[in-house]
Each structure stands twice: as structure tokens, then as C-alpha cells.
Protein backbone atom coordinates (compact mmCIF):
# COMPACT_ATOMS: atom_id res chain seq x y z
CA MET A 1 112.81 67.84 102.41
CA ARG A 2 113.64 70.99 100.51
CA SER A 3 117.24 72.11 100.41
CA ALA A 4 118.35 75.51 101.67
CA ALA A 5 119.50 76.26 98.14
CA THR A 6 115.95 76.24 96.79
CA TRP A 7 113.77 77.25 99.74
CA LEU A 8 112.90 80.77 98.60
CA LEU A 9 112.18 79.95 94.97
CA SER A 10 110.08 76.98 96.07
CA LEU A 11 108.20 79.33 98.38
CA ALA A 12 107.69 81.85 95.62
CA LEU A 13 106.56 79.38 92.98
CA ALA A 14 104.24 77.28 95.17
CA SER A 15 100.57 77.72 94.40
CA GLY A 16 99.11 76.35 97.66
CA CYS A 17 95.59 75.08 98.02
CA GLY A 18 93.26 77.97 98.72
CA ALA A 19 96.07 80.53 98.47
CA PRO A 20 95.17 84.02 97.23
CA ARG A 21 96.06 84.71 93.64
CA ALA A 22 99.28 86.71 93.38
CA HIS A 23 99.27 89.74 91.11
CA TYR A 24 103.07 89.89 90.97
CA ALA A 25 105.75 87.21 90.97
CA PRO A 26 107.93 85.73 92.31
CA LEU A 27 106.81 87.81 95.31
CA ASP A 28 103.62 89.82 95.61
CA SER A 29 102.74 92.96 97.55
CA ASP A 30 99.70 93.52 99.76
CA GLY A 31 100.44 97.25 99.90
CA ASN A 32 102.33 96.86 103.17
CA GLN A 33 104.29 93.58 103.17
CA LEU A 34 105.88 91.32 100.60
CA ARG A 35 103.91 88.12 100.15
CA ALA A 36 104.59 84.65 98.76
CA PRO A 37 101.93 83.25 96.42
CA ASP A 38 100.56 81.20 99.33
CA GLY A 39 99.95 84.45 101.24
CA ARG A 40 102.76 84.20 103.78
CA ALA A 41 104.61 87.43 104.59
CA VAL A 42 108.23 87.44 103.36
CA ILE A 43 111.17 89.25 104.92
CA LEU A 44 114.24 89.75 102.73
CA ARG A 45 117.67 90.10 104.27
CA GLY A 46 119.88 90.85 101.30
CA ILE A 47 123.19 92.31 100.28
CA ASN A 48 124.59 94.43 97.45
CA ALA A 49 127.43 93.23 95.23
CA ARG A 50 129.33 95.18 92.60
CA VAL A 51 130.30 92.58 90.02
CA ALA A 52 133.12 92.75 87.48
CA GLY A 53 131.69 93.07 83.98
CA VAL A 54 128.33 94.27 85.34
CA PHE A 55 129.41 97.30 87.36
CA ASP A 56 130.97 99.09 84.39
CA VAL A 57 134.12 101.07 85.28
CA THR A 58 136.38 100.47 82.25
CA LEU A 59 137.49 103.51 80.24
CA ASP A 60 138.81 104.06 76.73
CA GLY A 61 141.73 106.14 75.52
CA GLY A 62 144.28 104.40 77.70
CA ARG A 63 142.69 105.69 80.90
CA ALA A 64 142.96 103.47 83.96
CA PRO A 65 139.69 101.86 85.15
CA VAL A 66 137.85 103.87 87.75
CA GLU A 67 138.38 101.06 90.27
CA THR A 68 138.84 97.32 90.56
CA VAL A 69 135.61 95.38 90.94
CA PRO A 70 135.52 91.77 92.26
CA ASP A 71 134.32 88.79 90.28
CA PHE A 72 131.19 86.92 91.32
CA GLY A 73 130.47 83.23 90.98
CA ASP A 74 128.61 80.24 92.34
CA ASP A 75 130.81 80.17 95.46
CA ASP A 76 129.73 83.71 96.30
CA ALA A 77 126.05 82.88 95.93
CA ALA A 78 126.48 79.71 98.02
CA LYS A 79 128.18 81.67 100.79
CA MET A 80 125.48 84.36 100.70
CA ALA A 81 122.79 81.73 101.18
CA ALA A 82 124.73 80.09 104.00
CA LEU A 83 124.87 83.46 105.80
CA GLY A 84 121.08 83.83 105.50
CA PHE A 85 120.91 86.28 102.60
CA ASN A 86 117.92 85.67 100.34
CA LEU A 87 118.28 88.77 98.14
CA LEU A 88 121.05 90.22 95.98
CA ARG A 89 120.68 93.85 94.95
CA LEU A 90 122.74 93.93 91.75
CA PRO A 91 123.87 97.37 90.49
CA LEU A 92 123.61 97.64 86.68
CA SER A 93 125.30 100.30 84.54
CA TRP A 94 123.49 102.14 81.74
CA SER A 95 126.91 102.58 80.11
CA GLY A 96 127.26 98.79 79.89
CA ILE A 97 123.72 98.15 78.69
CA GLU A 98 123.71 100.86 75.98
CA PRO A 99 127.29 102.00 75.24
CA VAL A 100 126.14 103.35 71.87
CA GLN A 101 122.78 105.10 71.77
CA GLY A 102 120.08 102.74 70.55
CA GLN A 103 122.40 99.69 70.61
CA TYR A 104 121.92 97.33 73.56
CA SER A 105 124.68 94.95 74.52
CA THR A 106 123.61 91.30 74.50
CA ASP A 107 126.98 90.36 76.00
CA TYR A 108 126.36 92.66 78.95
CA LEU A 109 122.88 91.25 79.60
CA ASP A 110 124.35 87.74 79.36
CA ARG A 111 126.75 88.65 82.17
CA VAL A 112 123.82 89.86 84.25
CA ALA A 113 121.97 86.63 83.49
CA ALA A 114 124.97 84.60 84.66
CA VAL A 115 124.83 86.29 88.09
CA VAL A 116 121.07 85.69 88.24
CA ASP A 117 121.67 82.01 87.44
CA ASP A 118 124.26 81.68 90.22
CA CYS A 119 121.76 83.16 92.66
CA ARG A 120 118.92 81.01 91.34
CA HIS A 121 120.87 77.86 92.20
CA HIS A 122 121.02 78.95 95.84
CA GLY A 123 117.53 80.32 96.38
CA ILE A 124 118.51 84.00 96.22
CA LEU A 125 116.29 86.53 94.47
CA VAL A 126 117.92 89.35 92.50
CA LEU A 127 116.86 92.99 92.38
CA LEU A 128 118.21 94.56 89.17
CA ASP A 129 119.20 98.07 90.19
CA PHE A 130 119.70 100.80 87.57
CA HIS A 131 122.64 102.29 89.42
CA GLN A 132 124.69 105.46 89.25
CA ASP A 133 127.21 107.25 91.42
CA ALA A 134 128.18 110.76 90.32
CA TRP A 135 126.25 110.25 87.08
CA SER A 136 128.80 108.45 84.88
CA LYS A 137 132.11 106.62 84.96
CA GLU A 138 133.41 109.30 82.59
CA ILE A 139 133.03 112.06 85.19
CA GLY A 140 132.20 110.20 88.40
CA GLU A 141 132.11 106.51 89.32
CA ASP A 142 129.41 104.72 87.29
CA GLY A 143 126.09 105.14 85.52
CA ALA A 144 125.33 106.84 82.23
CA PRO A 145 127.25 106.36 78.97
CA ARG A 146 129.26 109.29 77.60
CA TRP A 147 126.60 110.13 75.01
CA ALA A 148 124.11 110.71 77.87
CA ILE A 149 126.21 113.38 79.59
CA VAL A 150 124.55 116.72 78.82
CA PRO A 151 126.14 119.20 78.55
CA PRO A 152 129.17 117.30 77.22
CA PRO A 153 131.86 116.86 79.87
CA THR A 154 134.49 119.52 80.16
CA MET A 155 137.03 116.95 81.32
CA LEU A 156 137.05 113.16 81.21
CA LEU A 157 138.37 111.49 84.35
CA SER A 158 140.08 108.18 85.07
CA GLY A 159 141.04 105.92 87.95
CA PRO A 160 141.98 105.19 90.57
CA LEU A 161 138.97 106.63 92.33
CA THR A 162 140.25 108.63 95.31
CA ASP A 163 137.97 111.66 95.13
CA LEU A 164 134.38 110.42 94.86
CA ASP A 165 132.99 113.08 97.20
CA GLN A 166 134.51 115.82 95.04
CA ARG A 167 133.23 114.17 91.87
CA ARG A 168 129.69 113.92 93.26
CA ALA A 169 129.61 117.66 93.89
CA SER A 170 131.47 118.74 90.74
CA ALA A 171 129.93 121.26 88.37
CA GLN A 172 129.77 118.85 85.45
CA VAL A 173 128.04 116.14 87.52
CA MET A 174 125.50 118.60 88.91
CA ALA A 175 124.87 119.95 85.42
CA ALA A 176 124.26 116.42 84.10
CA PHE A 177 121.67 115.72 86.80
CA GLN A 178 119.95 119.03 86.19
CA SER A 179 119.76 118.57 82.43
CA PHE A 180 118.39 115.03 82.85
CA PHE A 181 115.75 115.68 85.51
CA GLU A 182 114.74 119.28 84.81
CA GLY A 183 115.55 120.30 81.23
CA ASP A 184 115.93 117.05 79.28
CA ALA A 185 116.16 118.82 75.94
CA GLN A 186 117.90 115.75 74.51
CA ARG A 187 115.04 113.46 75.65
CA LEU A 188 117.41 111.38 77.75
CA GLN A 189 114.60 110.23 80.04
CA GLU A 190 112.95 108.62 77.04
CA ALA A 191 116.23 106.88 76.19
CA PHE A 192 116.56 105.72 79.79
CA ALA A 193 113.02 104.34 79.71
CA GLN A 194 113.74 102.42 76.53
CA MET A 195 116.91 101.01 78.08
CA ALA A 196 115.04 99.93 81.22
CA ALA A 197 112.37 98.28 79.08
CA GLU A 198 115.07 96.38 77.16
CA VAL A 199 116.39 94.93 80.42
CA ALA A 200 112.87 94.11 81.61
CA ARG A 201 112.09 92.40 78.32
CA ARG A 202 115.13 90.15 78.78
CA PHE A 203 114.17 89.13 82.35
CA SER A 204 110.37 89.34 82.24
CA ALA A 205 109.90 85.58 82.65
CA ASP A 206 112.75 84.98 85.09
CA GLN A 207 111.47 83.87 88.49
CA ALA A 208 114.86 84.43 90.14
CA VAL A 209 114.45 88.18 89.53
CA LEU A 210 112.55 90.04 92.25
CA GLY A 211 112.18 93.14 90.10
CA TYR A 212 113.83 96.37 88.97
CA GLU A 213 115.01 99.44 90.87
CA LEU A 214 114.41 102.57 88.81
CA PHE A 215 117.34 104.84 89.73
CA ASN A 216 119.93 104.74 92.49
CA GLU A 217 120.24 107.83 94.70
CA PRO A 218 118.60 110.37 92.38
CA VAL A 219 119.60 114.01 92.71
CA ALA A 220 116.20 115.52 92.01
CA SER A 221 113.36 117.25 93.80
CA ASP A 222 110.13 115.36 94.46
CA ASP A 223 108.14 117.30 91.88
CA VAL A 224 110.36 116.08 89.03
CA LEU A 225 111.33 112.71 90.51
CA LEU A 226 107.83 111.25 90.72
CA PRO A 227 106.95 111.88 87.04
CA PHE A 228 110.28 110.32 86.06
CA ASP A 229 109.67 107.25 88.22
CA VAL A 230 106.20 106.82 86.77
CA GLU A 231 107.47 107.13 83.19
CA ILE A 232 110.17 104.49 83.71
CA ALA A 233 107.80 102.21 85.63
CA ARG A 234 105.25 102.41 82.81
CA ALA A 235 107.92 101.55 80.24
CA ILE A 236 108.83 98.48 82.30
CA ARG A 237 105.18 97.51 82.82
CA ALA A 238 104.63 97.60 79.05
CA VAL A 239 106.92 94.57 78.70
CA ASP A 240 106.80 93.02 82.18
CA ALA A 241 103.55 92.97 84.11
CA ARG A 242 104.71 90.60 86.86
CA HIS A 243 107.91 91.76 88.54
CA LEU A 244 108.04 94.34 91.32
CA ILE A 245 109.38 97.86 90.76
CA ALA A 246 111.44 99.62 93.45
CA PHE A 247 111.87 103.39 93.68
CA GLU A 248 113.90 105.72 95.90
CA PRO A 249 113.50 109.20 97.34
CA ASP A 250 115.91 112.03 96.59
CA VAL A 251 119.44 111.21 97.78
CA ILE A 252 119.20 114.03 100.30
CA ARG A 253 117.26 111.61 102.52
CA ASN A 254 120.56 109.80 103.17
CA TYR A 255 121.57 112.86 105.19
CA THR A 256 118.28 114.18 106.58
CA GLY A 257 116.89 110.79 107.65
CA SER A 258 113.38 111.48 106.38
CA THR A 259 111.40 113.02 103.55
CA GLU A 260 107.89 114.37 103.04
CA LEU A 261 105.07 111.85 103.06
CA ALA A 262 103.38 111.15 99.75
CA ALA A 263 99.91 112.57 99.27
CA ALA A 264 98.71 109.52 97.32
CA PRO A 265 99.78 105.91 96.69
CA PHE A 266 102.47 105.22 94.07
CA PRO A 267 100.46 105.14 90.83
CA ILE A 268 102.02 101.98 89.35
CA GLY A 269 101.08 98.66 90.90
CA GLY A 270 103.62 96.26 92.35
CA ALA A 271 105.89 98.96 93.77
CA LEU A 272 108.49 98.86 96.56
CA TYR A 273 109.73 101.90 98.47
CA ALA A 274 113.53 101.59 98.74
CA PRO A 275 115.31 104.37 100.67
CA HIS A 276 118.87 104.12 102.03
CA ILE A 277 119.87 104.54 105.69
CA TYR A 278 123.42 105.59 106.59
CA THR A 279 122.85 107.58 109.79
CA GLY A 280 126.12 109.05 111.05
CA VAL A 281 128.29 107.26 108.51
CA PHE A 282 129.34 109.84 105.91
CA GLY A 283 131.22 113.12 105.72
CA ALA A 284 131.80 115.25 108.78
CA ASP A 285 128.93 113.63 110.71
CA MET A 286 130.34 112.90 114.19
CA ARG A 287 127.41 110.89 115.56
CA LEU A 288 129.04 107.55 114.75
CA ALA A 289 132.29 108.40 116.53
CA GLN A 290 130.41 109.94 119.43
CA ASP A 291 128.04 106.95 119.73
CA SER A 292 125.07 109.30 119.46
CA TYR A 293 123.57 107.85 116.27
CA GLU A 294 121.11 105.35 117.81
CA GLN A 295 118.09 107.58 118.36
CA PRO A 296 118.31 109.46 115.04
CA MET A 297 118.82 106.17 113.22
CA ALA A 298 115.76 104.65 114.89
CA GLU A 299 113.79 107.74 113.89
CA SER A 300 114.99 107.39 110.29
CA TRP A 301 113.77 103.77 110.17
CA GLN A 302 110.41 104.75 111.65
CA SER A 303 110.13 107.56 109.12
CA ALA A 304 110.96 105.12 106.31
CA ARG A 305 108.12 102.86 107.43
CA GLU A 306 105.73 105.83 107.52
CA GLU A 307 106.90 106.94 104.07
CA ALA A 308 106.27 103.44 102.69
CA GLN A 309 102.81 103.40 104.27
CA ALA A 310 102.02 106.71 102.60
CA TRP A 311 103.02 105.22 99.24
CA LYS A 312 101.01 102.04 100.08
CA THR A 313 104.04 99.84 99.42
CA PRO A 314 106.26 97.39 101.30
CA LEU A 315 109.54 98.79 102.67
CA LEU A 316 112.90 97.60 101.35
CA VAL A 317 115.89 99.58 102.64
CA GLY A 318 118.08 99.04 99.59
CA GLU A 319 121.32 100.16 101.22
CA LEU A 320 122.54 100.28 104.79
CA GLY A 321 126.11 99.81 105.88
CA VAL A 322 129.27 101.11 107.47
CA GLY A 323 132.97 100.70 106.85
CA PRO A 324 134.49 98.00 109.07
CA SER A 325 137.27 100.33 110.22
CA GLN A 326 134.88 103.10 111.27
CA PRO A 327 134.21 103.59 114.99
CA ASN A 328 131.32 101.60 116.47
CA ALA A 329 130.84 99.82 113.13
CA TYR A 330 129.62 96.49 114.49
CA ALA A 331 127.31 98.10 117.04
CA TRP A 332 125.91 100.29 114.25
CA ILE A 333 125.06 97.20 112.19
CA GLY A 334 123.35 95.57 115.15
CA HIS A 335 121.23 98.62 115.87
CA ALA A 336 120.34 99.00 112.17
CA LEU A 337 119.12 95.40 111.95
CA ASP A 338 117.25 95.80 115.24
CA ASP A 339 115.46 98.77 113.68
CA ALA A 340 114.76 96.79 110.52
CA ASP A 341 113.17 94.04 112.61
CA GLN A 342 111.13 96.52 114.62
CA ASN A 343 109.76 98.09 111.43
CA LEU A 344 109.19 94.75 109.65
CA ALA A 345 111.45 95.98 106.85
CA SER A 346 113.39 94.08 104.21
CA THR A 347 117.00 95.15 103.70
CA ALA A 348 120.05 94.91 101.42
CA PHE A 349 123.37 95.48 103.18
CA TRP A 350 126.18 97.41 101.46
CA LEU A 351 128.54 95.59 100.53
CA TRP A 352 129.62 91.99 99.77
CA LYS A 353 133.27 92.57 98.70
CA GLU A 354 135.23 95.71 97.90
CA GLU A 355 138.80 96.30 96.80
CA SER A 356 138.59 100.10 96.71
CA GLN A 357 137.07 103.02 98.65
CA GLY A 358 138.14 101.86 102.09
CA GLY A 359 137.53 98.16 101.56
CA TRP A 360 133.96 97.93 102.82
CA GLY A 361 132.35 94.52 102.85
CA LEU A 362 132.41 91.20 104.64
CA PHE A 363 135.84 90.05 103.42
CA ASP A 364 139.49 91.08 103.42
CA LEU A 365 141.49 90.85 100.18
CA ALA A 366 144.78 88.98 100.60
CA PRO A 367 147.91 89.80 98.54
CA ASP A 368 147.43 86.56 96.57
CA GLY A 369 143.98 87.71 95.42
CA SER A 370 141.99 85.47 97.75
CA TRP A 371 139.24 86.72 100.04
CA THR A 372 139.04 85.89 103.75
CA GLU A 373 136.06 86.44 106.03
CA ARG A 374 135.94 89.28 108.52
CA PRO A 375 134.52 87.36 111.50
CA GLN A 376 133.05 90.38 113.26
CA MET A 377 131.30 91.58 110.11
CA ILE A 378 129.95 88.09 109.43
CA ALA A 379 128.69 87.79 113.00
CA ALA A 380 127.02 91.21 112.80
CA VAL A 381 125.07 90.59 109.60
CA SER A 382 124.35 86.83 109.79
CA ARG A 383 121.79 86.61 112.56
CA PRO A 384 118.40 84.93 113.09
CA TYR A 385 115.28 86.29 111.39
CA PRO A 386 112.02 84.98 109.88
CA GLN A 387 112.21 84.53 106.13
CA ALA A 388 108.49 83.76 105.83
CA ILE A 389 105.67 84.27 108.33
CA GLY A 390 102.37 82.39 108.08
CA GLY A 391 100.06 85.31 108.80
CA ASP A 392 100.24 89.04 109.40
CA PRO A 393 103.49 89.90 111.22
CA THR A 394 103.21 92.27 114.17
CA GLY A 395 106.71 92.09 115.63
CA ILE A 396 110.23 90.72 115.19
CA HIS A 397 112.85 90.91 117.93
CA TRP A 398 116.31 89.38 118.32
CA ASP A 399 117.98 89.96 121.71
CA GLY A 400 121.19 88.09 120.96
CA ALA A 401 119.88 84.78 122.29
CA THR A 402 116.17 84.52 121.45
CA LEU A 403 114.29 85.35 118.26
CA THR A 404 110.68 86.33 118.97
CA VAL A 405 108.12 86.67 116.18
CA THR A 406 104.56 87.81 116.84
CA PHE A 407 101.84 87.52 114.24
CA THR A 408 98.12 87.19 113.64
CA GLY A 409 96.79 84.15 111.83
CA LYS A 410 95.34 84.89 108.42
CA SER A 411 92.55 82.97 106.74
CA GLY A 412 93.72 80.94 103.77
CA VAL A 413 97.40 81.32 104.69
CA PRO A 414 99.26 78.21 105.89
CA PRO A 415 100.50 78.63 109.50
CA VAL A 416 104.04 77.65 108.55
CA HIS A 417 107.06 79.87 109.23
CA ASP A 418 110.56 79.67 107.76
CA LEU A 419 113.22 80.81 110.23
CA PHE A 420 116.91 81.36 109.54
CA PHE A 421 118.80 80.48 112.72
CA PRO A 422 122.56 79.95 112.34
CA GLY A 423 124.66 78.09 114.88
CA SER A 424 123.31 75.50 117.26
CA ALA A 425 119.74 74.26 116.85
CA PRO A 426 117.22 76.43 118.71
CA THR A 427 114.43 75.35 121.01
CA VAL A 428 111.24 76.36 119.18
CA ARG A 429 108.06 77.28 121.06
CA CYS A 430 104.64 78.32 119.82
CA ASP A 431 102.58 80.33 122.33
CA GLY A 432 104.77 79.01 125.13
CA ALA A 433 104.54 75.33 124.20
CA GLU A 434 106.94 73.24 122.20
CA ALA A 435 106.23 73.79 118.51
CA PRO A 436 104.16 70.87 117.19
CA SER A 437 106.01 70.57 113.89
CA VAL A 438 109.57 71.57 113.06
CA THR A 439 111.56 70.43 110.04
CA VAL A 440 115.09 71.51 109.25
CA ASP A 441 116.81 72.21 105.94
CA ALA A 442 120.54 72.23 105.45
CA GLY A 443 121.64 75.82 105.88
CA ALA A 444 120.05 76.60 109.27
CA ILE A 445 116.50 77.10 107.94
CA TYR A 446 113.75 75.79 110.22
CA HIS A 447 110.18 75.25 109.02
CA VAL A 448 107.82 75.63 111.97
CA ARG A 449 104.06 75.01 112.17
CA CYS A 450 102.39 77.48 114.54
CA GLY A 451 99.19 79.45 114.24
CA GLY A 452 95.50 79.50 113.51
CA PRO A 453 93.01 82.32 114.15
CA GLY A 454 94.11 85.09 116.50
CA ALA A 455 97.42 86.39 117.80
CA HIS A 456 100.45 84.15 118.33
CA THR A 457 104.03 84.28 119.57
CA LEU A 458 106.76 82.13 118.05
């Protein structure tokens, strides 16, 4: 029997008699869903984690760090797996990778590799996310090194971070985005591409890495964003032909809930569309407090699915979340995951642990430095779902008591399904009858045989 710690990597590395050849690894794409090498559809339920030494917020000149970032270790990865997470979206910092132009930090990439190793041991795939918030730690929260701020900053900032919204909208941050995406007289996009390729070169053979996310929450119009994405994706593909590549729309989608549909598929193979969904959560938006967010959020998820279909890619919502002290927080999470199920989407929840910015996450920080679970947050995010489906999925629904998965059998794909179901053991039925074969791993993962030609209900 496989252990829960290795189920996903075993799934991804298995060849399977008669299985279709995967173009990408450890997971493939059929242009609509993620696929294991044996052809089964894969659903990822992941989480983001800012990790000390990887999320770069330290400053020189005696300035206080922008914020305090938690450590990450084997215990964190083990707990993630126990809660049903099979993906970690790991924010990386350009400032940590290339603090001096043209000089890449081996120590930094070693720290990234250590997180990947912790996740590997517990069957969690890692998406390496080239992250930024307000362009750079020097003028915002994280992202670019000082040498990549053009024009040069008029004022360097420090911590603690209490004014992120103001930093995001500041003149020097907006000028940095504009010079990078529209002018680029200093050829910073070329430098960024070389940096991304350096990271991809380091992890090109690592089967615990799902892939690379090109740029977090870009502030750029579609006409300049797509050429940038293609340039960075090509730089990665030059050194890594096997891992997936995730890309995002303009950050404005976080507020509008949709964006224009693409006129053609994403031009680089092995792509993932990775928007964020925060309906009603930020700023002066009153829909969360007024409990009027449900319909617009459902529409945003449906739009995200349509946007992914236009790009001919699977859908991974790379961030969704809400602060635990915000009104209707737990209901919001439930509705968001309902919408993810309905749209057969993979997800990465924001955030694992946080000491700053309102203390988002699944844990409280005690005065002695220890972390304790927030039971309501844990209950909201750790819920049943299918991790792998032996066919073409047509529906996923969790009503609080019963998980229902509908699918169509697919030739050459084993009719075996991996279900995460925490708590007491479920009664498993296939097309109304007791499932003919069920095995159980430690960690609440059930392997169920159900299928064949035609439509089925599990």
C-alpha cells in the first residue's frame, strides 16, 4: 500500500500499461485538465506559503525588515498533506535570486530546494512563483532587486509594513511597472528572462516541482503582458522542456472578476491559466460584509473557466482567500471551494501562516513563538475532494456530508480514483452500488475502482 506521503508523486511518475505518453511532467495538460502520466485527471487543492529566507524582505542600511516571515520545515509539509493539500505555491523573490545584476545566489536557490525537498517527502508538488507585491521590497513589499527599479527610487522604505495599499499605488511603484512593461529602455525584461531561466535550469529535472509561474499580479495591459509572458516562457522552455508554466491576467481582474477572452491559445505548450479570486475581500468593497458576494463570486469563477478555455489551458486559481477576522470569512471560503468544484478548477489558498498584515492564514501565533491551529479555518479548507479521477470529470459536488463525482470513462485510462476524505471513513458507492474495490492510505486518501465506458457517478 502506498503511503499518503508519496501518493501524488507515485501517481505522477507511474507509467501505466497503455497510458498515453505525457508531454509534460510531473503532470501533463490535455488543454483543459491536468493529467497524470496514466491519463487520469488531477485536481490540485493547494496553499501558498511565504517562507523565511525565500520571501526576501530584509533591507540594508540598518532599515528594519519589511515584515516578519515564518520559517517552513518538514512539520509544515506533513501538516499540509494531512489537511489534503497536494500543492504548495511558493513565492520567490527576484531580489533574492539576483541581488547583484548577473550574479545568481546559489545559497538562495538552495533554500528553495530545501522547501521543495520537504514537500517531496510528503507528496506535495511545488509551483515556483516569481512573485512581487508593489514591485520591490525597497519601495513596496517584495519582488525586484534595487538595481531593477527604473527610474531609481526617490525614497527607500523600511518596515514594519503598515501601508501596503499606499505603496502599491505610489508614484515610484507605478513608474517602475510602466518602465518595465512599456518602455524597458534598460532591457529589464531580458534580465528577468535570464533570471527565470537560471531558476528553471536548477529545477528542470526535479519531479517535485509542478512548474513555474511567470509573474504575480502584473500591472500591465493585455497588449504588453502577452508578449512578456511569451518571452519569459520561451526562456524557461530553452532550459526546461518538461515542467508546466503558469501565467496570470492583469491584476485588475482581482477587482473586476473577469477579463477579455483570448483570441487564440497560449502560444507556449504546457501552460496553466492562473488568475486570482478575491471577490468582496479588499478595499472599500462592502459585498463581503453585506453577504452579497456569492453571485458575483460564482460569476468570476465561471469567467475564469471560460478564460482558461479560450487559452486552451487547465485552470489553476493561484490565490483565493480571506482574513479570518473579516465578516462571513468561513462562509466565503466554503462558497469559493464550491465554485472551484463546480468549475473543475485547481486552487492554491492564501495563506499558510502569517505574522503580519492582519494575520491571515490557518494558524494563530502565540507569544512564545509557537503556532496553533484555527479550527474554523482548518475545517473550512480541509474538506473532501477527488485528487485523481479515472476518466473525464464532468462534475464535483460536496454538500457537507456527501462528495459526488461524475465522470465519463476514458479509453486507456485506469478507472481508479483517489479521494481525500478526512474524518470518519465514508461509504463509497459506484453508480449506486457499493464500490467493488476500495483501498485506504494513511492520511484519509481512498483509492476507489469505478468506471468503464460511459458516464458514471461516484
